[in-house]
Protein backbone atom coordinates (compact mmCIF):
# COMPACT_ATOMS: atom_id res chain seq x y z
CA MET A 1 -0.03 -0.19 0.02
CA LEU A 2 2.76 2.37 0.73
CA CYS A 3 4.80 1.35 -2.27
CA THR A 4 1.59 2.44 -4.21
CA TRP A 5 1.17 5.64 -2.70
CA VAL A 6 4.79 6.52 -3.45
CA ARG A 7 4.73 5.70 -7.06
CA ASN A 8 1.25 7.55 -7.41
CA ILE A 9 3.59 10.30 -6.14
CA THR A 10 6.13 10.25 -8.28
CA ARG A 11 3.85 10.35 -11.27
CA ILE A 12 2.01 13.69 -10.37
CA ARG A 13 5.04 14.79 -9.95
CA LYS A 14 6.77 13.96 -13.43
CA ILE A 15 3.35 15.11 -15.00
CA THR A 16 3.18 17.91 -12.95
CA LYS A 17 6.71 18.90 -13.91
CA CYS A 18 6.64 17.84 -17.68
CA TYR A 19 3.30 20.17 -17.94
CA GLN A 20 5.54 23.53 -16.40
CA ILE A 21 7.90 23.02 -19.12
CA SER A 22 4.94 22.89 -21.92
CA GLU A 23 3.85 26.14 -20.59
CA GLN A 24 7.22 27.56 -20.69
CA ILE A 25 7.84 26.68 -23.87
CA ARG A 26 4.59 27.86 -25.27
CA HIS A 27 5.20 31.01 -23.43
CA ILE A 28 8.55 31.63 -25.38
CA ARG A 29 7.08 31.07 -28.38
CA ALA A 30 4.51 33.43 -28.10
CA LEU A 31 7.22 36.06 -26.99
CA LYS A 32 8.76 35.24 -30.31
CA ARG A 33 6.21 35.71 -32.62
CA VAL A 34 4.86 38.95 -30.55
CA GLN A 35 8.34 40.10 -31.51
CA SER A 36 8.69 38.97 -35.22
CA ASP A 37 5.25 41.03 -35.16
CA VAL A 38 6.51 43.93 -33.80
CA ILE A 39 8.00 46.26 -36.08
CA VAL A 40 10.15 49.28 -34.21
CA PRO A 41 11.05 52.02 -35.61
CA LEU A 42 14.34 53.57 -37.65
CA GLU A 43 14.00 56.92 -35.34
CA GLN A 44 14.83 54.95 -32.02
CA SER A 45 18.56 54.01 -31.55
CA ASP A 46 20.08 50.90 -30.43
CA VAL A 47 21.31 52.51 -26.96
CA ALA A 48 17.50 53.56 -26.63
CA GLN A 49 15.80 50.00 -27.15
CA HIS A 50 18.19 48.45 -24.96
CA ASP A 51 17.99 50.23 -22.40
CA LYS A 52 13.91 49.39 -21.89
CA PRO A 53 13.01 45.96 -21.17
CA THR A 54 11.74 43.63 -23.27
CA GLU A 55 8.40 43.51 -21.87
CA LYS A 56 8.16 47.42 -21.61
CA ARG A 57 9.10 47.73 -25.50
CA LEU A 58 6.62 44.85 -26.32
CA ALA A 59 4.15 46.60 -23.72
CA GLU A 60 4.59 49.81 -25.74
CA PRO A 61 4.10 49.70 -29.29
CA ASN A 62 4.51 52.26 -31.99
CA GLU A 63 1.14 54.18 -31.97
CA LYS A 64 1.78 54.90 -35.92
CA GLN A 65 2.66 50.86 -36.26
CA ASN A 66 -1.32 50.47 -34.29
CA ASN A 67 -2.98 52.62 -36.57
CA ALA A 68 -1.65 51.59 -39.57
CA VAL A 69 -2.29 47.70 -38.52
CA ALA A 70 -5.91 48.49 -37.20
CA LEU A 71 -6.53 50.30 -40.97
CA ASP A 72 -4.98 47.57 -42.92
CA PHE A 73 -8.01 45.15 -44.00
CA GLY A 74 -5.75 43.28 -47.02
CA ILE A 75 -5.99 43.95 -50.08
CA ARG A 76 -9.81 44.65 -51.55
CA GLU A 77 -11.33 45.39 -55.26
CA ALA A 78 -12.83 48.03 -55.79
CA HIS A 79 -16.40 48.40 -55.39
CA VAL A 80 -17.79 49.60 -58.74
CA PRO A 81 -21.09 50.89 -58.46
CA THR A 82 -23.94 49.24 -61.27
CA PHE A 83 -25.41 52.20 -63.98
CA ASN A 84 -29.32 52.28 -63.06
CA LEU A 85 -31.08 53.81 -66.36
CA ALA A 86 -34.40 53.50 -63.66
CA ALA A 87 -33.13 55.98 -61.42
CA HIS A 88 -32.99 58.39 -64.37
CA VAL A 89 -36.39 57.92 -66.30
CA ASN A 90 -38.18 60.25 -64.20
CA ASN A 91 -35.66 63.15 -65.25
CA SER A 92 -35.43 62.20 -69.06
CA LYS A 93 -37.79 62.79 -71.92
CA THR A 94 -35.90 60.14 -73.88
CA LEU A 95 -35.67 57.37 -71.83
CA GLN A 96 -39.42 57.93 -71.52
CA GLN A 97 -39.91 57.64 -74.88
CA LEU A 98 -38.18 54.71 -75.45
CA LEU A 99 -39.98 53.05 -72.52
CA SER A 100 -43.09 53.51 -74.56
CA LEU A 101 -41.15 52.28 -77.76
CA GLY A 102 -41.06 49.13 -75.52
CA VAL A 103 -36.70 49.05 -75.41
CA ASN A 104 -35.58 46.89 -71.82
CA LEU A 105 -33.54 49.59 -70.28
CA HIS A 106 -32.49 46.93 -68.26
CA SER A 107 -30.86 45.17 -70.84
CA ILE A 108 -29.30 48.05 -72.49
CA GLU A 109 -27.90 48.98 -68.68
CA ARG A 110 -26.10 45.38 -67.96
CA ARG A 111 -23.69 46.46 -71.19
CA LYS A 112 -20.77 48.08 -70.17
CA GLY A 113 -21.34 51.92 -71.32
CA LEU A 114 -24.69 51.76 -72.80
CA GLY A 115 -26.55 53.01 -70.60
CA GLN A 116 -24.00 56.14 -70.03
CA PHE A 117 -24.46 56.91 -73.87
CA VAL A 118 -28.38 56.08 -74.12
CA LEU A 119 -28.48 58.55 -71.26
CA LYS A 120 -27.11 61.50 -72.65
CA LEU A 121 -29.20 60.83 -76.30
CA ASP A 122 -31.84 63.96 -77.19
CA PHE A 123 -34.76 61.97 -78.36
CA GLU A 124 -35.77 64.82 -81.00
CA GLU A 125 -32.12 65.04 -82.45
CA ASN A 126 -30.52 62.15 -81.41
CA VAL A 127 -33.07 59.34 -81.84
CA LYS A 128 -36.08 60.54 -84.05
CA PRO A 129 -34.34 60.55 -87.18
CA TYR A 130 -33.35 57.49 -87.12
CA LEU A 131 -36.85 56.06 -86.16
CA THR A 132 -38.30 57.77 -89.11
CA PHE A 133 -35.08 56.15 -91.28
CA LEU A 134 -36.08 52.32 -90.09
CA SER A 135 -39.84 53.16 -90.94
CA ASP A 136 -38.88 54.52 -94.43
CA GLN A 137 -37.57 50.98 -94.91
CA GLY A 138 -40.34 49.43 -94.11
CA ILE A 139 -40.29 48.17 -90.45
CA SER A 140 -43.15 48.70 -88.24
CA ALA A 141 -43.36 50.38 -85.12
CA ASP A 142 -43.99 47.76 -82.99
CA ASP A 143 -40.51 46.38 -83.68
CA PHE A 144 -38.44 50.05 -82.73
CA GLY A 145 -38.22 48.32 -79.12
CA LYS A 146 -35.94 45.22 -79.97
CA MET A 147 -33.91 46.95 -82.44
CA ILE A 148 -32.82 49.08 -80.72
CA THR A 149 -32.49 46.69 -77.47
CA LYS A 150 -30.37 44.70 -79.24
CA ASN A 151 -28.58 47.43 -81.03
CA PRO A 152 -28.51 51.35 -79.64
CA LEU A 153 -25.45 51.85 -81.11
CA ILE A 154 -27.13 52.28 -84.30
CA PHE A 155 -27.68 55.64 -83.09
CA LYS A 156 -23.79 56.29 -83.45
CA GLU A 157 -23.69 55.63 -87.38
CA ASP A 158 -24.21 58.33 -90.29
CA LEU A 159 -27.36 58.49 -91.02
CA ASP A 160 -26.36 58.77 -94.86
CA ASP A 161 -24.00 55.79 -94.43
CA LEU A 162 -27.39 53.76 -93.23
CA GLN A 163 -28.67 54.93 -96.48
CA THR A 164 -25.98 54.05 -98.54
CA ARG A 165 -25.92 50.47 -97.08
CA VAL A 166 -29.68 50.39 -97.69
CA ASP A 167 -29.21 51.04 -101.37
CA TYR A 168 -26.72 48.53 -101.68
CA MET A 169 -28.86 46.23 -100.60
CA LYS A 170 -31.71 47.06 -103.15
CA SER A 171 -29.24 47.03 -106.09
CA LYS A 172 -28.95 42.88 -105.20
CA ARG A 173 -32.34 42.88 -105.47
CA PHE A 174 -33.20 42.31 -102.21
CA SER A 175 -36.84 43.09 -101.67
CA VAL A 176 -38.23 45.59 -99.10
CA GLU A 177 -39.74 42.40 -97.17
CA ALA A 178 -36.28 40.67 -97.36
CA LEU A 179 -34.86 44.35 -95.61
CA GLN A 180 -37.90 44.48 -93.51
CA ARG A 181 -36.83 41.04 -92.08
CA ILE A 182 -33.40 41.33 -92.22
CA PHE A 183 -32.72 44.43 -90.60
CA THR A 184 -35.37 43.53 -87.90
CA LYS A 185 -33.87 39.42 -87.03
CA ASN A 186 -30.23 40.98 -87.48
CA PRO A 187 -29.94 44.90 -86.31
CA TYR A 188 -26.62 44.57 -86.29
CA TRP A 189 -26.64 43.97 -89.81
CA LEU A 190 -26.59 48.02 -90.55
CA MET A 191 -23.39 48.55 -88.75
CA TYR A 192 -21.64 46.90 -91.42
CA SER A 193 -19.97 48.27 -94.00
CA THR A 194 -21.19 47.76 -97.88
CA ARG A 195 -17.38 46.51 -98.31
CA ARG A 196 -18.03 44.14 -95.06
CA ILE A 197 -21.30 42.48 -96.40
CA ASP A 198 -20.08 42.21 -99.73
CA ARG A 199 -17.25 39.82 -98.76
CA ARG A 200 -19.30 38.45 -96.25
CA LEU A 201 -22.26 37.47 -99.27
CA GLY A 202 -19.41 36.91 -101.78
CA TYR A 203 -17.69 34.17 -99.40
CA PHE A 204 -21.04 32.20 -99.50
CA GLN A 205 -21.88 32.54 -102.77
CA LYS A 206 -18.45 31.23 -103.86
CA GLU A 207 -18.29 28.78 -101.29
CA PHE A 208 -21.30 26.98 -101.66
CA HIS A 209 -21.90 27.76 -105.15
CA LEU A 210 -25.32 29.76 -104.69
CA SER A 211 -27.20 31.79 -107.48
CA GLY A 212 -28.51 34.92 -106.56
CA HIS A 213 -31.79 33.72 -105.97
CA ASP A 214 -30.27 31.03 -103.10
CA LEU A 215 -28.13 33.83 -101.58
CA ARG A 216 -31.24 36.23 -101.06
CA LEU A 217 -32.73 33.05 -99.68
CA LEU A 218 -29.82 32.13 -97.73
CA ALA A 219 -29.62 35.82 -96.10
CA THR A 220 -33.37 36.47 -95.45
CA LYS A 221 -34.27 33.07 -93.69
CA GLU A 222 -31.27 33.58 -91.63
CA PRO A 223 -29.98 37.02 -91.36
CA ARG A 224 -27.76 36.20 -87.98
CA LEU A 225 -25.34 34.14 -89.98
CA ILE A 226 -24.04 36.42 -92.74
CA THR A 227 -22.74 38.76 -89.78
CA PHE A 228 -21.77 35.74 -87.79
CA ASN A 229 -18.15 34.88 -86.77
CA MET A 230 -16.01 33.70 -89.75
CA GLU A 231 -13.70 31.34 -87.99
CA HIS A 232 -17.06 29.33 -86.57
CA ILE A 233 -18.32 29.05 -90.08
CA ARG A 234 -14.91 28.00 -91.75
CA LYS A 235 -15.23 25.14 -89.05
CA SER A 236 -18.41 24.17 -89.41
CA VAL A 237 -18.01 24.16 -93.57
CA PHE A 238 -15.11 21.79 -92.92
CA THR A 239 -17.16 19.47 -90.05
CA LEU A 240 -19.95 19.14 -92.41
CA ARG A 241 -17.35 18.40 -95.68
CA GLU A 242 -14.89 16.30 -94.06
CA GLU A 243 -15.59 14.14 -91.24
CA MET A 244 -19.63 14.15 -91.96
CA GLY A 245 -18.63 13.26 -95.92
CA PHE A 246 -21.64 15.71 -97.36
CA SER A 247 -20.57 16.34 -101.05
CA ASN A 248 -20.63 20.00 -102.48
CA LYS A 249 -23.89 19.42 -103.46
CA GLU A 250 -25.36 17.87 -100.45
CA LEU A 251 -23.69 20.56 -98.76
CA GLN A 252 -25.52 23.64 -100.65
CA THR A 253 -29.13 21.76 -99.78
CA LEU A 254 -28.43 21.73 -96.43
CA ILE A 255 -27.52 25.78 -96.25
CA VAL A 256 -30.04 26.68 -98.24
CA HIS A 257 -32.73 24.97 -96.49
CA THR A 258 -31.45 25.25 -92.90
CA PRO A 259 -28.62 27.61 -92.69
CA ARG A 260 -29.06 27.72 -89.27
CA LEU A 261 -27.11 24.27 -88.91
CA MET A 262 -23.73 26.77 -89.99
CA MET A 263 -24.12 28.20 -86.41
CA ILE A 264 -24.27 25.28 -84.61
CA PRO A 265 -20.83 24.58 -82.66
CA PRO A 266 -19.14 21.49 -84.78
CA ASP A 267 -18.87 19.36 -81.92
CA ASP A 268 -22.79 19.11 -81.61
CA LEU A 269 -23.17 18.47 -85.07
CA VAL A 270 -20.85 15.54 -85.35
CA GLU A 271 -22.67 14.21 -82.05
CA ARG A 272 -25.96 14.54 -83.64
CA PHE A 273 -24.87 13.05 -87.16
CA SER A 274 -23.26 10.14 -85.26
CA TYR A 275 -26.73 9.24 -83.75
CA VAL A 276 -28.78 9.98 -86.91
CA HIS A 277 -26.48 8.35 -89.51
CA ASN A 278 -25.13 4.96 -87.07
CA ASP A 279 -27.90 4.30 -84.96
CA MET A 280 -31.14 5.37 -86.90
CA GLY A 281 -29.49 3.94 -89.92
CA LEU A 282 -30.09 7.23 -91.83
CA SER A 283 -28.56 7.27 -95.19
CA HIS A 284 -26.99 10.98 -96.24
CA ALA A 285 -29.52 11.49 -98.76
CA GLN A 286 -32.59 11.24 -95.66
CA ILE A 287 -30.96 13.76 -93.78
CA ILE A 288 -30.73 16.09 -96.80
CA GLN A 289 -34.34 15.57 -97.01
CA CYS A 290 -34.69 16.05 -93.71
CA PRO A 291 -31.86 18.42 -92.51
CA GLU A 292 -33.89 19.59 -89.19
CA LEU A 293 -32.66 16.60 -88.20
CA LEU A 294 -29.20 18.14 -87.40
CA ALA A 295 -30.46 21.03 -85.81
CA SER A 296 -32.14 18.84 -82.74
CA ARG A 297 -30.45 17.93 -80.14
CA GLU A 298 -29.17 14.79 -79.71
CA PHE A 299 -31.11 13.46 -76.04
CA ARG A 300 -34.06 14.46 -78.02
CA LEU A 301 -33.33 12.26 -80.91
CA ARG A 302 -32.54 9.60 -78.72
CA GLU A 303 -35.75 9.72 -76.66
CA ARG A 304 -38.13 9.50 -79.32
CA HIS A 305 -36.27 7.14 -81.66
CA GLU A 306 -35.51 4.87 -78.54
CA PHE A 307 -39.44 4.91 -78.07
CA LEU A 308 -40.18 4.38 -81.32
CA LYS A 309 -38.43 1.31 -81.65
CA LEU A 310 -39.79 -0.14 -77.97
CA LEU A 311 -43.10 0.67 -79.72
CA GLY A 312 -41.79 -1.15 -82.98
CA ARG A 313 -42.82 1.55 -84.96
CA ALA A 314 -38.94 2.60 -85.40
CA GLN A 315 -39.14 1.94 -89.52
CA TYR A 316 -37.73 5.24 -91.59
CA ASP A 317 -37.78 2.72 -94.90
CA PRO A 318 -40.76 3.97 -97.24
CA GLN A 319 -40.37 1.37 -99.51
CA LYS A 320 -41.55 -0.83 -95.93
CA ASP A 321 -44.95 -1.05 -93.90
CA LEU A 322 -45.32 0.81 -91.00
CA TYR A 323 -43.20 3.92 -92.15
CA ILE A 324 -42.50 6.85 -90.43
CA SER A 325 -41.08 10.42 -91.93
CA PRO A 326 -37.46 11.08 -90.09
CA SER A 327 -38.90 14.36 -90.42
CA GLU A 328 -41.65 13.80 -88.14
CA ILE A 329 -39.69 12.99 -85.12
CA VAL A 330 -38.42 16.14 -84.55
CA GLN A 331 -41.84 18.07 -84.87
CA GLY A 332 -44.00 19.72 -82.54
CA ASN A 333 -43.78 18.41 -79.11
CA ASN A 334 -44.08 15.88 -77.18
CA PHE A 335 -48.11 14.97 -77.01
CA TYR A 336 -47.60 15.78 -80.25
CA PHE A 337 -44.76 13.46 -81.25
CA VAL A 338 -46.79 10.59 -78.78
CA ARG A 339 -50.67 11.16 -80.33
CA ASN A 340 -49.42 11.75 -83.82
CA VAL A 341 -46.34 9.89 -85.11
CA ALA A 342 -46.04 7.42 -81.72
CA LYS A 343 -49.95 6.45 -81.94
CA SER A 344 -49.71 6.05 -78.52
CA ASP A 345 -50.14 7.86 -74.96
CA LEU A 346 -48.28 10.55 -72.59
CA GLU A 347 -48.45 8.21 -69.50
CA THR A 348 -46.35 5.36 -71.86
CA PHE A 349 -43.96 7.80 -72.50
CA ASP A 350 -43.63 9.36 -69.58
CA LEU A 351 -43.10 6.02 -68.04
CA PHE A 352 -40.47 5.07 -70.76
CA LEU A 353 -38.23 8.58 -69.93
CA LYS A 354 -38.18 7.40 -66.00
CA THR A 355 -37.35 3.91 -66.81
CA ARG A 356 -35.16 4.02 -69.84
């Protein structure tokens, strides 16, 4: 019993001693950290520093240093206030007139610099003459709001230059109706000089061997394509011709019938073509007859084809019974597809989508 008591006392002393040593080590480390953080001003001489005890020097940090530390919040990005046109509507007749035309001011102010530009416009001097010009081109007043929302920078263009560009289009035998559609669907068209537009139209005519009629049809059907990124268009042409194997004649038919194919990312085109050609078994000739297949998303094609396959109706050969035209697969919403193409009901189709 006595031996056990002695051993316990010895163990307690060792633990206490270790605890004291640990506390001393932590205290020394804390002092070192504080010393490294404190910056002694250069104005103080070495003698003055050694005259003061270490504890006193630490207890009396430099006041300027305290202020600097207190105000140092780190590097932060400057807060740039957003420009809000709504705050100026009550005081701006121009903004009020633009709102009455259906212009989306919020969409404009989200683009850098356009909010300030629009706010500086005078309606009678800077806006009204352009509205008159657009009206002279057959554009309805109902379309003014959408056009200005998309391209308010049209007010920077010289009216004589705009008229020259319109005259150029008329010289290429574009009808008034065609011009109306082109300028409405693609307001940026008027920002391009006649030289640039001429080069773009010349590229499409030469690349796809288009007649004048087909070129006008292409530009009218998809006006955005003419001013689209040329590098993207060249990649799409390479993908359709070299990777998918369409001939020049087939490519010409594709571009005139569904010009927006050229605006789809090439990787998406390859994915859709691979599924239509390899999984659905459609030939190039069938795809040419229904180019909308390449304009439809791959997962939508997959859902509908697999549902028809489940029902035993995935028959795309016109020489066989139960023939289904490939164009019908991409028509309408799911209700139309299920009722008119698959000859089934929505409950069965929804169950199929959940279990596939």
